[in-house]
Amino acid sequence: MNGNSIQSEFEARKRERTFELSLPALVKGYDAADREFAENTEVSSLSAQEVVLWLRAKVMNGTKLLLNLQVPQTFMLEKRLELCLSGTVTFVKQEASVKTRNQLVSVKLDRNFRIQS
């Protein structure tokens, strides 16, 4: 990759809107030991291309995950929605605290999604 394409990618990501929020989510997939898991958690931030969240399940880069986000009813949204997404883990950071044993996980989202009301 040349310098211009790297800079273009950086500028595109910089323009993308990321929302720091707390949305309930059900995450399903396979952990690092290849065991199926389903875990309730909360999304920390969301953009059109990425979701960041905390997981107790140990996952690795490249892991495919399914996410069901619960979007609450608001003054602009008549009723709550369930947003069904999928993506691939691109970043994992182990929490320093031994008590929580959680991982900060970044998931690059696939282009397809489903909305259920």
Protein backbone atom coordinates (compact mmCIF):
# COMPACT_ATOMS: atom_id res chain seq x y z
CA MET A 1 0.00 0.00 0.00
CA ASN A 2 1.43 3.40 -0.90
CA GLY A 3 1.37 6.49 1.30
CA ASN A 4 -1.57 8.08 -0.56
CA SER A 5 -3.87 5.08 -0.11
CA ILE A 6 -2.96 4.83 3.59
CA GLN A 7 -3.75 8.51 4.04
CA SER A 8 -7.05 8.13 2.12
CA GLU A 9 -8.08 5.21 4.37
CA PHE A 10 -7.19 7.25 7.48
CA GLU A 11 -9.19 10.25 6.23
CA ALA A 12 -12.21 8.06 5.44
CA ARG A 13 -12.17 6.59 8.95
CA LYS A 14 -11.70 10.05 10.45
CA ARG A 15 -14.87 11.26 8.65
CA GLU A 16 -16.91 8.27 9.78
CA ARG A 17 -19.17 9.10 12.71
CA THR A 18 -18.66 7.02 15.81
CA PHE A 19 -21.24 7.14 18.57
CA GLU A 20 -20.21 6.55 22.17
CA LEU A 21 -23.28 4.91 23.66
CA SER A 22 -24.52 2.10 25.81
CA LEU A 23 -26.82 -0.33 24.02
CA PRO A 24 -27.74 -3.77 25.35
CA ALA A 25 -26.46 -6.53 23.09
CA LEU A 26 -26.55 -10.30 22.85
CA VAL A 27 -23.30 -11.61 21.32
CA LYS A 28 -22.97 -15.13 19.96
CA GLY A 29 -19.99 -16.96 18.54
CA TYR A 30 -17.17 -19.33 19.37
CA ASP A 31 -14.55 -18.55 22.01
CA ALA A 32 -10.78 -19.16 21.81
CA ALA A 33 -11.33 -22.78 22.96
CA ASP A 34 -13.82 -23.28 20.07
CA ARG A 35 -16.80 -23.47 22.47
CA GLU A 36 -20.05 -21.86 21.45
CA PHE A 37 -21.12 -18.95 23.69
CA ALA A 38 -23.95 -16.46 24.01
CA GLU A 39 -23.32 -13.45 26.25
CA ASN A 40 -25.35 -10.40 27.23
CA THR A 41 -23.24 -7.25 27.27
CA GLU A 42 -23.38 -3.59 26.23
CA VAL A 43 -21.94 -1.82 23.19
CA SER A 44 -19.47 0.95 24.11
CA SER A 45 -19.28 2.60 20.69
CA LEU A 46 -20.81 2.08 17.28
CA SER A 47 -20.12 3.31 13.76
CA ALA A 48 -21.20 2.14 10.31
CA GLN A 49 -18.12 -0.10 10.16
CA GLU A 50 -17.27 -1.06 13.73
CA VAL A 51 -18.70 -2.01 17.13
CA VAL A 52 -16.66 -1.89 20.35
CA LEU A 53 -17.83 -3.86 23.39
CA TRP A 54 -16.68 -5.78 26.48
CA LEU A 55 -16.87 -9.57 26.59
CA ARG A 56 -16.18 -12.13 29.32
CA ALA A 57 -15.80 -14.84 26.66
CA LYS A 58 -12.24 -15.01 25.38
CA VAL A 59 -12.19 -14.43 21.63
CA MET A 60 -9.36 -14.03 19.14
CA ASN A 61 -8.76 -11.82 16.11
CA GLY A 62 -10.54 -13.27 13.09
CA THR A 63 -13.43 -14.72 15.14
CA LYS A 64 -16.87 -14.25 13.53
CA LEU A 65 -19.54 -12.91 15.90
CA LEU A 66 -23.29 -12.38 15.67
CA LEU A 67 -24.65 -9.34 17.50
CA ASN A 68 -28.25 -8.50 18.38
CA LEU A 69 -28.42 -4.87 19.50
CA GLN A 70 -31.46 -3.63 21.42
CA VAL A 71 -32.29 -0.09 20.25
CA PRO A 72 -34.70 1.47 22.79
CA GLN A 73 -37.85 3.42 22.03
CA THR A 74 -37.20 7.18 21.85
CA PHE A 75 -39.21 10.25 21.01
CA MET A 76 -38.19 9.70 17.35
CA LEU A 77 -38.54 5.91 17.36
CA GLU A 78 -42.07 4.63 18.03
CA LYS A 79 -41.04 1.25 19.37
CA ARG A 80 -37.86 -0.53 20.25
CA LEU A 81 -35.91 -2.32 17.52
CA GLU A 82 -33.57 -5.26 17.40
CA LEU A 83 -30.65 -4.75 15.02
CA CYS A 84 -29.02 -8.03 13.93
CA LEU A 85 -25.40 -7.64 12.80
CA SER A 86 -22.42 -9.84 12.15
CA GLY A 87 -18.72 -9.12 11.92
CA THR A 88 -15.16 -10.19 12.52
CA VAL A 89 -13.04 -9.46 15.60
CA THR A 90 -10.17 -7.14 14.63
CA PHE A 91 -8.81 -6.11 18.05
CA VAL A 92 -8.79 -7.68 21.51
CA LYS A 93 -7.39 -6.11 24.69
CA GLN A 94 -7.41 -7.97 28.01
CA GLU A 95 -8.57 -5.86 30.97
CA ALA A 96 -5.79 -5.38 33.51
CA SER A 97 -8.07 -6.11 36.47
CA VAL A 98 -8.04 -9.77 37.44
CA LYS A 99 -11.47 -9.37 39.08
CA THR A 100 -13.35 -8.58 35.87
CA ARG A 101 -11.46 -10.85 33.45
CA ASN A 102 -13.10 -8.99 30.57
CA GLN A 103 -11.78 -8.19 27.11
CA LEU A 104 -12.32 -5.01 25.12
CA VAL A 105 -13.26 -6.25 21.65
CA SER A 106 -13.52 -4.38 18.36
CA VAL A 107 -15.64 -5.98 15.63
CA LYS A 108 -15.48 -4.93 11.98
CA LEU A 109 -19.06 -5.17 10.77
CA ASP A 110 -20.21 -7.01 7.67
CA ARG A 111 -22.30 -4.99 5.24
CA ASN A 112 -25.47 -7.04 5.75
CA PHE A 113 -27.82 -6.47 8.68
CA ARG A 114 -31.42 -7.10 9.66
CA ILE A 115 -33.85 -4.93 11.63
CA GLN A 116 -36.63 -6.52 13.64
CA SER A 117 -39.36 -4.55 15.38
